[in-house]
Amino acid sequence: MRKIVINNCYGGFGLSEIALEMLGIEDCYDMERDNPRLIEVVENLGSKADGLCSELRIVEIPENVEWHIEDYDGSEWVAENHRTWH
């Protein structure tokens, strides 16, 4: 199974100062959500990893799924990629 970090409330994805320090970064917006270091920090800190207006959650999906993150007003979910035409 693949683990992915998402924000589980309205507001948007963000990390606390302590989580950013543990990762050795200043901002988290370019970080891949399945990054093993990110997963480890969120698992170890629990709610202390949550940034302002964030409630982080780890979602597990099958390894072979091509995925992306969708959101509504910052509340996120993992969706499987599929083909679309316009």
PDB file of N, CA and C in Angstrom:
ATOM      1  N   MET A   1       0.834  -1.178   0.000  1.00  0.00           N
ATOM      2  CA  MET A   1       0.000   0.000   0.000  1.00  0.00           C
ATOM      3  C   MET A   1       0.889   1.256   0.000  1.00  0.00           C
ATOM      4  N   ARG A   2       0.415   2.276  -0.664  1.00  0.00           N
ATOM      5  CA  ARG A   2       1.102   3.563  -0.715  1.00  0.00           C
ATOM      6  C   ARG A   2       0.413   4.517   0.252  1.00  0.00           C
ATOM      7  N   LYS A   3       1.202   5.250   1.028  1.00  0.00           N
ATOM      8  CA  LYS A   3       0.669   6.233   1.963  1.00  0.00           C
ATOM      9  C   LYS A   3       0.793   7.626   1.356  1.00  0.00           C
ATOM     10  N   ILE A   4      -0.264   8.440   1.569  1.00  0.00           N
ATOM     11  CA  ILE A   4      -0.323   9.799   1.037  1.00  0.00           C
ATOM     12  C   ILE A   4      -0.873  10.703   2.130  1.00  0.00           C
ATOM     13  N   VAL A   5      -0.260  11.869   2.322  1.00  0.00           N
ATOM     14  CA  VAL A   5      -0.731  12.828   3.317  1.00  0.00           C
ATOM     15  C   VAL A   5      -1.697  13.810   2.652  1.00  0.00           C
ATOM     16  N   ILE A   6      -2.866  13.973   3.269  1.00  0.00           N
ATOM     17  CA  ILE A   6      -3.845  14.946   2.787  1.00  0.00           C
ATOM     18  C   ILE A   6      -4.321  15.809   3.957  1.00  0.00           C
ATOM     19  N   ASN A   7      -4.954  16.919   3.624  1.00  0.00           N
ATOM     20  CA  ASN A   7      -5.610  17.751   4.628  1.00  0.00           C
ATOM     21  C   ASN A   7      -7.059  17.314   4.714  1.00  0.00           C
ATOM     22  N   ASN A   8      -7.535  17.071   5.926  1.00  0.00           N
ATOM     23  CA  ASN A   8      -8.864  16.496   6.130  1.00  0.00           C
ATOM     24  C   ASN A   8      -9.884  17.523   6.628  1.00  0.00           C
ATOM     25  N   CYS A   9      -9.614  18.822   6.439  1.00  0.00           N
ATOM     26  CA  CYS A   9     -10.572  19.845   6.851  1.00  0.00           C
ATOM     27  C   CYS A   9     -10.477  21.021   5.887  1.00  0.00           C
ATOM     28  N   TYR A  10     -11.445  21.917   5.960  1.00  0.00           N
ATOM     29  CA  TYR A  10     -11.401  23.107   5.116  1.00  0.00           C
ATOM     30  C   TYR A  10     -10.258  23.997   5.576  1.00  0.00           C
ATOM     31  N   GLY A  11      -9.600  24.633   4.638  1.00  0.00           N
ATOM     32  CA  GLY A  11      -8.516  25.541   4.975  1.00  0.00           C
ATOM     33  C   GLY A  11      -7.292  25.330   4.111  1.00  0.00           C
ATOM     34  N   GLY A  12      -6.818  24.128   3.980  1.00  0.00           N
ATOM     35  CA  GLY A  12      -5.676  23.863   3.114  1.00  0.00           C
ATOM     36  C   GLY A  12      -4.547  23.141   3.812  1.00  0.00           C
ATOM     37  N   PHE A  13      -3.735  22.491   3.012  1.00  0.00           N
ATOM     38  CA  PHE A  13      -2.600  21.716   3.490  1.00  0.00           C
ATOM     39  C   PHE A  13      -1.533  22.641   4.063  1.00  0.00           C
ATOM     40  N   GLY A  14      -0.988  22.278   5.195  1.00  0.00           N
ATOM     41  CA  GLY A  14       0.117  23.015   5.793  1.00  0.00           C
ATOM     42  C   GLY A  14       0.726  22.214   6.923  1.00  0.00           C
ATOM     43  N   LEU A  15       1.966  22.537   7.231  1.00  0.00           N
ATOM     44  CA  LEU A  15       2.678  21.851   8.304  1.00  0.00           C
ATOM     45  C   LEU A  15       3.030  22.831   9.415  1.00  0.00           C
ATOM     46  N   SER A  16       3.107  22.327  10.619  1.00  0.00           N
ATOM     47  CA  SER A  16       3.510  23.136  11.770  1.00  0.00           C
ATOM     48  C   SER A  16       4.991  23.475  11.670  1.00  0.00           C
ATOM     49  N   GLU A  17       5.410  24.439  12.475  1.00  0.00           N
ATOM     50  CA  GLU A  17       6.826  24.832  12.501  1.00  0.00           C
ATOM     51  C   GLU A  17       7.711  23.649  12.893  1.00  0.00           C
ATOM     52  N   ILE A  18       7.274  22.864  13.870  1.00  0.00           N
ATOM     53  CA  ILE A  18       8.089  21.719  14.305  1.00  0.00           C
ATOM     54  C   ILE A  18       8.217  20.679  13.191  1.00  0.00           C
ATOM     55  N   ALA A  19       7.138  20.461  12.431  1.00  0.00           N
ATOM     56  CA  ALA A  19       7.196  19.508  11.315  1.00  0.00           C
ATOM     57  C   ALA A  19       8.138  20.028  10.225  1.00  0.00           C
ATOM     58  N   LEU A  20       8.058  21.317   9.930  1.00  0.00           N
ATOM     59  CA  LEU A  20       8.959  21.909   8.932  1.00  0.00           C
ATOM     60  C   LEU A  20      10.417  21.773   9.373  1.00  0.00           C
ATOM     61  N   GLU A  21      10.671  22.016  10.657  1.00  0.00           N
ATOM     62  CA  GLU A  21      12.035  21.876  11.185  1.00  0.00           C
ATOM     63  C   GLU A  21      12.528  20.436  11.056  1.00  0.00           C
ATOM     64  N   MET A  22      11.680  19.485  11.397  1.00  0.00           N
ATOM     65  CA  MET A  22      12.071  18.081  11.304  1.00  0.00           C
ATOM     66  C   MET A  22      12.401  17.686   9.866  1.00  0.00           C
ATOM     67  N   LEU A  23      11.687  18.286   8.903  1.00  0.00           N
ATOM     68  CA  LEU A  23      11.923  17.997   7.491  1.00  0.00           C
ATOM     69  C   LEU A  23      13.074  18.816   6.923  1.00  0.00           C
ATOM     70  N   GLY A  24      13.491  19.848   7.641  1.00  0.00           N
ATOM     71  CA  GLY A  24      14.587  20.695   7.183  1.00  0.00           C
ATOM     72  C   GLY A  24      14.198  21.569   5.999  1.00  0.00           C
ATOM     73  N   ILE A  25      12.940  22.014   5.983  1.00  0.00           N
ATOM     74  CA  ILE A  25      12.451  22.852   4.887  1.00  0.00           C
ATOM     75  C   ILE A  25      11.745  24.081   5.454  1.00  0.00           C
ATOM     76  N   GLU A  26      11.549  25.089   4.591  1.00  0.00           N
ATOM     77  CA  GLU A  26      10.864  26.313   5.021  1.00  0.00           C
ATOM     78  C   GLU A  26       9.393  26.315   4.640  1.00  0.00           C
ATOM     79  N   ASP A  27       9.054  25.648   3.546  1.00  0.00           N
ATOM     80  CA  ASP A  27       7.637  25.496   3.197  1.00  0.00           C
ATOM     81  C   ASP A  27       7.422  24.132   2.575  1.00  0.00           C
ATOM     82  N   CYS A  28       6.181  23.691   2.596  1.00  0.00           N
ATOM     83  CA  CYS A  28       5.872  22.306   2.222  1.00  0.00           C
ATOM     84  C   CYS A  28       5.078  22.199   0.927  1.00  0.00           C
ATOM     85  N   TYR A  29       4.831  23.299   0.256  1.00  0.00           N
ATOM     86  CA  TYR A  29       3.874  23.282  -0.844  1.00  0.00           C
ATOM     87  C   TYR A  29       4.371  22.548  -2.092  1.00  0.00           C
ATOM     88  N   ASP A  30       5.673  22.391  -2.237  1.00  0.00           N
ATOM     89  CA  ASP A  30       6.206  21.647  -3.378  1.00  0.00           C
ATOM     90  C   ASP A  30       6.544  20.196  -3.038  1.00  0.00           C
ATOM     91  N   MET A  31       6.340  19.810  -1.801  1.00  0.00           N
ATOM     92  CA  MET A  31       6.702  18.458  -1.363  1.00  0.00           C
ATOM     93  C   MET A  31       5.694  17.435  -1.883  1.00  0.00           C
ATOM     94  N   GLU A  32       6.211  16.333  -2.394  1.00  0.00           N
ATOM     95  CA  GLU A  32       5.340  15.239  -2.833  1.00  0.00           C
ATOM     96  C   GLU A  32       4.640  14.652  -1.609  1.00  0.00           C
ATOM     97  N   ARG A  33       3.361  14.444  -1.719  1.00  0.00           N
ATOM     98  CA  ARG A  33       2.565  14.002  -0.568  1.00  0.00           C
ATOM     99  C   ARG A  33       2.819  12.554  -0.183  1.00  0.00           C
ATOM    100  N   ASP A  34       3.503  11.797  -1.044  1.00  0.00           N
ATOM    101  CA  ASP A  34       3.866  10.422  -0.686  1.00  0.00           C
ATOM    102  C   ASP A  34       5.343  10.316  -0.300  1.00  0.00           C
ATOM    103  N   ASN A  35       5.965  11.454  -0.034  1.00  0.00           N
ATOM    104  CA  ASN A  35       7.365  11.491   0.378  1.00  0.00           C
ATOM    105  C   ASN A  35       7.522  10.726   1.698  1.00  0.00           C
ATOM    106  N   PRO A  36       8.403   9.738   1.741  1.00  0.00           N
ATOM    107  CA  PRO A  36       8.559   8.924   2.956  1.00  0.00           C
ATOM    108  C   PRO A  36       8.909   9.743   4.198  1.00  0.00           C
ATOM    109  N   ARG A  37       9.708  10.790   4.040  1.00  0.00           N
ATOM    110  CA  ARG A  37      10.062  11.644   5.191  1.00  0.00           C
ATOM    111  C   ARG A  37       8.834  12.379   5.706  1.00  0.00           C
ATOM    112  N   LEU A  38       7.984  12.873   4.807  1.00  0.00           N
ATOM    113  CA  LEU A  38       6.755  13.548   5.203  1.00  0.00           C
ATOM    114  C   LEU A  38       5.838  12.585   5.947  1.00  0.00           C
ATOM    115  N   ILE A  39       5.673  11.390   5.417  1.00  0.00           N
ATOM    116  CA  ILE A  39       4.835  10.367   6.060  1.00  0.00           C
ATOM    117  C   ILE A  39       5.336  10.091   7.477  1.00  0.00           C
ATOM    118  N   GLU A  40       6.639   9.917   7.615  1.00  0.00           N
ATOM    119  CA  GLU A  40       7.231   9.613   8.921  1.00  0.00           C
ATOM    120  C   GLU A  40       6.979  10.742   9.922  1.00  0.00           C
ATOM    121  N   VAL A  41       7.161  11.993   9.495  1.00  0.00           N
ATOM    122  CA  VAL A  41       6.946  13.125  10.389  1.00  0.00           C
ATOM    123  C   VAL A  41       5.483  13.205  10.825  1.00  0.00           C
ATOM    124  N   VAL A  42       4.558  13.040   9.896  1.00  0.00           N
ATOM    125  CA  VAL A  42       3.134  13.099  10.240  1.00  0.00           C
ATOM    126  C   VAL A  42       2.751  11.935  11.156  1.00  0.00           C
ATOM    127  N   GLU A  43       3.269  10.757  10.893  1.00  0.00           N
ATOM    128  CA  GLU A  43       2.981   9.612  11.776  1.00  0.00           C
ATOM    129  C   GLU A  43       3.537   9.841  13.176  1.00  0.00           C
ATOM    130  N   ASN A  44       4.752  10.363  13.270  1.00  0.00           N
ATOM    131  CA  ASN A  44       5.392  10.548  14.576  1.00  0.00           C
ATOM    132  C   ASN A  44       4.795  11.699  15.375  1.00  0.00           C
ATOM    133  N   LEU A  45       4.450  12.807  14.716  1.00  0.00           N
ATOM    134  CA  LEU A  45       3.942  13.977  15.431  1.00  0.00           C
ATOM    135  C   LEU A  45       2.431  13.952  15.649  1.00  0.00           C
ATOM    136  N   GLY A  46       1.712  13.199  14.838  1.00  0.00           N
ATOM    137  CA  GLY A  46       0.254  13.217  14.945  1.00  0.00           C
ATOM    138  C   GLY A  46      -0.272  14.616  14.684  1.00  0.00           C
ATOM    139  N   SER A  47      -1.188  15.097  15.517  1.00  0.00           N
ATOM    140  CA  SER A  47      -1.800  16.408  15.304  1.00  0.00           C
ATOM    141  C   SER A  47      -0.816  17.557  15.481  1.00  0.00           C
ATOM    142  N   LYS A  48       0.336  17.313  16.085  1.00  0.00           N
ATOM    143  CA  LYS A  48       1.356  18.355  16.217  1.00  0.00           C
ATOM    144  C   LYS A  48       2.011  18.684  14.875  1.00  0.00           C
ATOM    145  N   ALA A  49       1.765  17.883  13.857  1.00  0.00           N
ATOM    146  CA  ALA A  49       2.274  18.165  12.515  1.00  0.00           C
ATOM    147  C   ALA A  49       1.358  19.113  11.748  1.00  0.00           C
ATOM    148  N   ASP A  50       0.126  19.282  12.238  1.00  0.00           N
ATOM    149  CA  ASP A  50      -0.861  20.109  11.543  1.00  0.00           C
ATOM    150  C   ASP A  50      -0.438  21.568  11.504  1.00  0.00           C
ATOM    151  N   GLY A  51      -0.539  22.167  10.315  1.00  0.00           N
ATOM    152  CA  GLY A  51      -0.303  23.589  10.173  1.00  0.00           C
ATOM    153  C   GLY A  51      -1.563  24.369  10.486  1.00  0.00           C
ATOM    154  N   LEU A  52      -1.471  25.679  10.318  1.00  0.00           N
ATOM    155  CA  LEU A  52      -2.617  26.552  10.542  1.00  0.00           C
ATOM    156  C   LEU A  52      -3.748  26.142   9.610  1.00  0.00           C
ATOM    157  N   CYS A  53      -4.930  25.921  10.146  1.00  0.00           N
ATOM    158  CA  CYS A  53      -6.117  25.509   9.369  1.00  0.00           C
ATOM    159  C   CYS A  53      -5.918  24.165   8.668  1.00  0.00           C
ATOM    160  N   SER A  54      -5.116  23.278   9.241  1.00  0.00           N
ATOM    161  CA  SER A  54      -4.893  21.945   8.671  1.00  0.00           C
ATOM    162  C   SER A  54      -5.241  20.874   9.676  1.00  0.00           C
ATOM    163  N   GLU A  55      -5.683  19.751   9.162  1.00  0.00           N
ATOM    164  CA  GLU A  55      -5.917  18.541   9.951  1.00  0.00           C
ATOM    165  C   GLU A  55      -5.415  17.404   9.073  1.00  0.00           C
ATOM    166  N   LEU A  56      -4.140  17.067   9.243  1.00  0.00           N
ATOM    167  CA  LEU A  56      -3.502  16.111   8.340  1.00  0.00           C
ATOM    168  C   LEU A  56      -3.934  14.684   8.634  1.00  0.00           C
ATOM    169  N   ARG A  57      -4.003  13.927   7.567  1.00  0.00           N
ATOM    170  CA  ARG A  57      -4.423  12.521   7.639  1.00  0.00           C
ATOM    171  C   ARG A  57      -3.608  11.744   6.613  1.00  0.00           C
ATOM    172  N   ILE A  58      -3.315  10.506   6.922  1.00  0.00           N
ATOM    173  CA  ILE A  58      -2.616   9.633   5.978  1.00  0.00           C
ATOM    174  C   ILE A  58      -3.622   8.666   5.395  1.00  0.00           C
ATOM    175  N   VAL A  59      -3.690   8.649   4.062  1.00  0.00           N
ATOM    176  CA  VAL A  59      -4.580   7.760   3.327  1.00  0.00           C
ATOM    177  C   VAL A  59      -3.724   6.677   2.686  1.00  0.00           C
ATOM    178  N   GLU A  60      -4.191   5.451   2.687  1.00  0.00           N
ATOM    179  CA  GLU A  60      -3.477   4.349   2.034  1.00  0.00           C
ATOM    180  C   GLU A  60      -4.248   3.901   0.805  1.00  0.00           C
ATOM    181  N   ILE A  61      -3.515   3.781  -0.308  1.00  0.00           N
ATOM    182  CA  ILE A  61      -4.101   3.301  -1.556  1.00  0.00           C
ATOM    183  C   ILE A  61      -3.217   2.182  -2.109  1.00  0.00           C
ATOM    184  N   PRO A  62      -3.749   1.353  -3.016  1.00  0.00           N
ATOM    185  CA  PRO A  62      -2.920   0.302  -3.622  1.00  0.00           C
ATOM    186  C   PRO A  62      -1.734   0.892  -4.390  1.00  0.00           C
ATOM    187  N   GLU A  63      -0.622   0.209  -4.382  1.00  0.00           N
ATOM    188  CA  GLU A  63       0.612   0.662  -5.030  1.00  0.00           C
ATOM    189  C   GLU A  63       0.443   0.961  -6.519  1.00  0.00           C
ATOM    190  N   ASN A  64      -0.365   0.182  -7.215  1.00  0.00           N
ATOM    191  CA  ASN A  64      -0.432   0.293  -8.668  1.00  0.00           C
ATOM    192  C   ASN A  64      -1.401   1.366  -9.171  1.00  0.00           C
ATOM    193  N   VAL A  65      -1.989   2.148  -8.278  1.00  0.00           N
ATOM    194  CA  VAL A  65      -2.964   3.163  -8.666  1.00  0.00           C
ATOM    195  C   VAL A  65      -2.248   4.463  -9.034  1.00  0.00           C
ATOM    196  N   GLU A  66      -2.594   5.024 -10.192  1.00  0.00           N
ATOM    197  CA  GLU A  66      -2.129   6.357 -10.550  1.00  0.00           C
ATOM    198  C   GLU A  66      -3.104   7.339  -9.924  1.00  0.00           C
ATOM    199  N   TRP A  67      -2.594   8.295  -9.160  1.00  0.00           N
ATOM    200  CA  TRP A  67      -3.451   9.112  -8.320  1.00  0.00           C
ATOM    201  C   TRP A  67      -3.111  10.590  -8.419  1.00  0.00           C
ATOM    202  N   HIS A  68      -4.025  11.389  -7.897  1.00  0.00           N
ATOM    203  CA  HIS A  68      -3.801  12.816  -7.719  1.00  0.00           C
ATOM    204  C   HIS A  68      -4.665  13.271  -6.543  1.00  0.00           C
ATOM    205  N   ILE A  69      -4.378  14.464  -6.045  1.00  0.00           N
ATOM    206  CA  ILE A  69      -5.147  15.011  -4.925  1.00  0.00           C
ATOM    207  C   ILE A  69      -6.132  16.035  -5.467  1.00  0.00           C
ATOM    208  N   GLU A  70      -7.380  15.911  -5.057  1.00  0.00           N
ATOM    209  CA  GLU A  70      -8.412  16.886  -5.381  1.00  0.00           C
ATOM    210  C   GLU A  70      -8.840  17.548  -4.075  1.00  0.00           C
ATOM    211  N   ASP A  71      -9.474  18.725  -4.189  1.00  0.00           N
ATOM    212  CA  ASP A  71      -9.923  19.382  -2.968  1.00  0.00           C
ATOM    213  C   ASP A  71     -11.146  20.245  -3.222  1.00  0.00           C
ATOM    214  N   TYR A  72     -11.806  20.556  -2.138  1.00  0.00           N
ATOM    215  CA  TYR A  72     -12.888  21.532  -2.128  1.00  0.00           C
ATOM    216  C   TYR A  72     -12.635  22.448  -0.936  1.00  0.00           C
ATOM    217  N   ASP A  73     -12.345  23.693  -1.202  1.00  0.00           N
ATOM    218  CA  ASP A  73     -12.020  24.683  -0.168  1.00  0.00           C
ATOM    219  C   ASP A  73     -10.929  24.205   0.786  1.00  0.00           C
ATOM    220  N   GLY A  74      -9.958  23.472   0.255  1.00  0.00           N
ATOM    221  CA  GLY A  74      -8.827  23.022   1.053  1.00  0.00           C
ATOM    222  C   GLY A  74      -8.982  21.654   1.687  1.00  0.00           C
ATOM    223  N   SER A  75     -10.196  21.123   1.731  1.00  0.00           N
ATOM    224  CA  SER A  75     -10.424  19.768   2.234  1.00  0.00           C
ATOM    225  C   SER A  75     -10.116  18.807   1.089  1.00  0.00           C
ATOM    226  N   GLU A  76      -9.167  17.906   1.310  1.00  0.00           N
ATOM    227  CA  GLU A  76      -8.614  17.102   0.221  1.00  0.00           C
ATOM    228  C   GLU A  76      -9.026  15.636   0.278  1.00  0.00           C
ATOM    229  N   TRP A  77      -8.932  14.983  -0.883  1.00  0.00           N
ATOM    230  CA  TRP A  77      -9.098  13.541  -1.000  1.00  0.00           C
ATOM    231  C   TRP A  77      -8.211  13.066  -2.135  1.00  0.00           C
ATOM    232  N   VAL A  78      -7.916  11.779  -2.128  1.00  0.00           N
ATOM    233  CA  VAL A  78      -7.099  11.166  -3.176  1.00  0.00           C
ATOM    234  C   VAL A  78      -8.041  10.556  -4.203  1.00  0.00           C
ATOM    235  N   ALA A  79      -7.789  10.870  -5.482  1.00  0.00           N
ATOM    236  CA  ALA A  79      -8.614  10.344  -6.569  1.00  0.00           C
ATOM    237  C   ALA A  79      -7.728   9.581  -7.544  1.00  0.00           C
ATOM    238  N   GLU A  80      -8.300   8.560  -8.124  1.00  0.00           N
ATOM    239  CA  GLU A  80      -7.577   7.785  -9.134  1.00  0.00           C
ATOM    240  C   GLU A  80      -7.595   8.541 -10.456  1.00  0.00           C
ATOM    241  N   ASN A  81      -6.436   8.578 -11.138  1.00  0.00           N
ATOM    242  CA  ASN A  81      -6.359   9.215 -12.456  1.00  0.00           C
ATOM    243  C   ASN A  81      -7.188   8.419 -13.456  1.00  0.00           C
ATOM    244  N   HIS A  82      -7.796   9.126 -14.372  1.00  0.00           N
ATOM    245  CA  HIS A  82      -8.505   8.481 -15.472  1.00  0.00           C
ATOM    246  C   HIS A  82      -8.452   9.414 -16.670  1.00  0.00           C
ATOM    247  N   ARG A  83      -8.874   8.959 -17.786  1.00  0.00           N
ATOM    248  CA  ARG A  83      -8.791   9.761 -18.998  1.00  0.00           C
ATOM    249  C   ARG A  83     -10.042  10.616 -19.150  1.00  0.00           C
ATOM    250  N   THR A  84      -9.836  11.849 -19.620  1.00  0.00           N
ATOM    251  CA  THR A  84     -10.945  12.725 -19.941  1.00  0.00           C
ATOM    252  C   THR A  84     -10.630  13.468 -21.229  1.00  0.00           C
ATOM    253  N   TRP A  85     -11.648  13.828 -21.973  1.00  0.00           N
ATOM    254  CA  TRP A  85     -11.489  14.618 -23.184  1.00  0.00           C
ATOM    255  C   TRP A  85     -12.463  15.777 -23.128  1.00  0.00           C
ATOM    256  N   HIS A  86     -12.049  16.896 -23.698  1.00  0.00           N
ATOM    257  CA  HIS A  86     -12.937  18.072 -23.742  1.00  0.00           C
ATOM    258  C   HIS A  86     -13.114  18.513 -25.168  1.00  0.00           C
TER     259      HIS A  86
END
